[in-house]
Amino acid sequence: MQAFYLVCAIAGATVLILQLVGAGLHEADASGADVHEASGGHEALSHGLHLFSVRAIAAGLAFFGTTGWFATRNGWSQLLALPAALLLGSAGLVAVAFALRQMGRLESDGTLQLANAIGLDGTVHLSIPEQQRGAGKVMLTVQGRLVELPAVTSGPALPTGAPVTVVDVRDDDVLEVRTATSILQDEV
């Protein structure tokens, strides 16, 4: 039985090492392929506990084999070694599945969505001509990032440093802004 445990430990560890090396090689691939697409997409990892993923099963097998081998090598009877191996193998499987789920939640594509700027306040960085006769620049924090974006206004010209609020995003990815005071006057 000790040989069986050893085979399980080696098989599980080998699969884990191959997964690790394969993931590293894929990320270093200069082909431009998306790591998430080739690995089946980690987006799904954040939606549930995937106990039957290759990594989780390999980890469970490695923990099962190592525990069983260690227990039998140290003179434990099969009545103690098998339950201990099953318990630690199951714990390894669940722990790796949980860790993969947590890592999946950390992923973000980081794409700036300009629609998220609507309603946000900013400051004119480069003066904006009146009546949409040209674009200036505004600085504002969108999605936790300070960005400088092109902007126009339908009202009077806005000087550098003027506080503004984003009211719309045009099709050409230019923000439409108004002064904070003009928005307050419209609401009254």
Foldseek 3Di string as FASTA:
>chain_A
DLVVLQVLQVQLVVLLVCVVVVLVVVVVDPPPDDSQVVVVHLLVLQVDQCLPDSNLLSQLSNQLSVQLNVCVVVPHDCVPSNVRSNVRSVVSSRVVSVVSNVVSVPDDPPDFDLVQQAFFKWFFAFKEAEQQPDWGWTWGAGPNDTDIFIEHERGHIDHGGFMWGFHDADPVRYTYIDGPVVVVVVVD
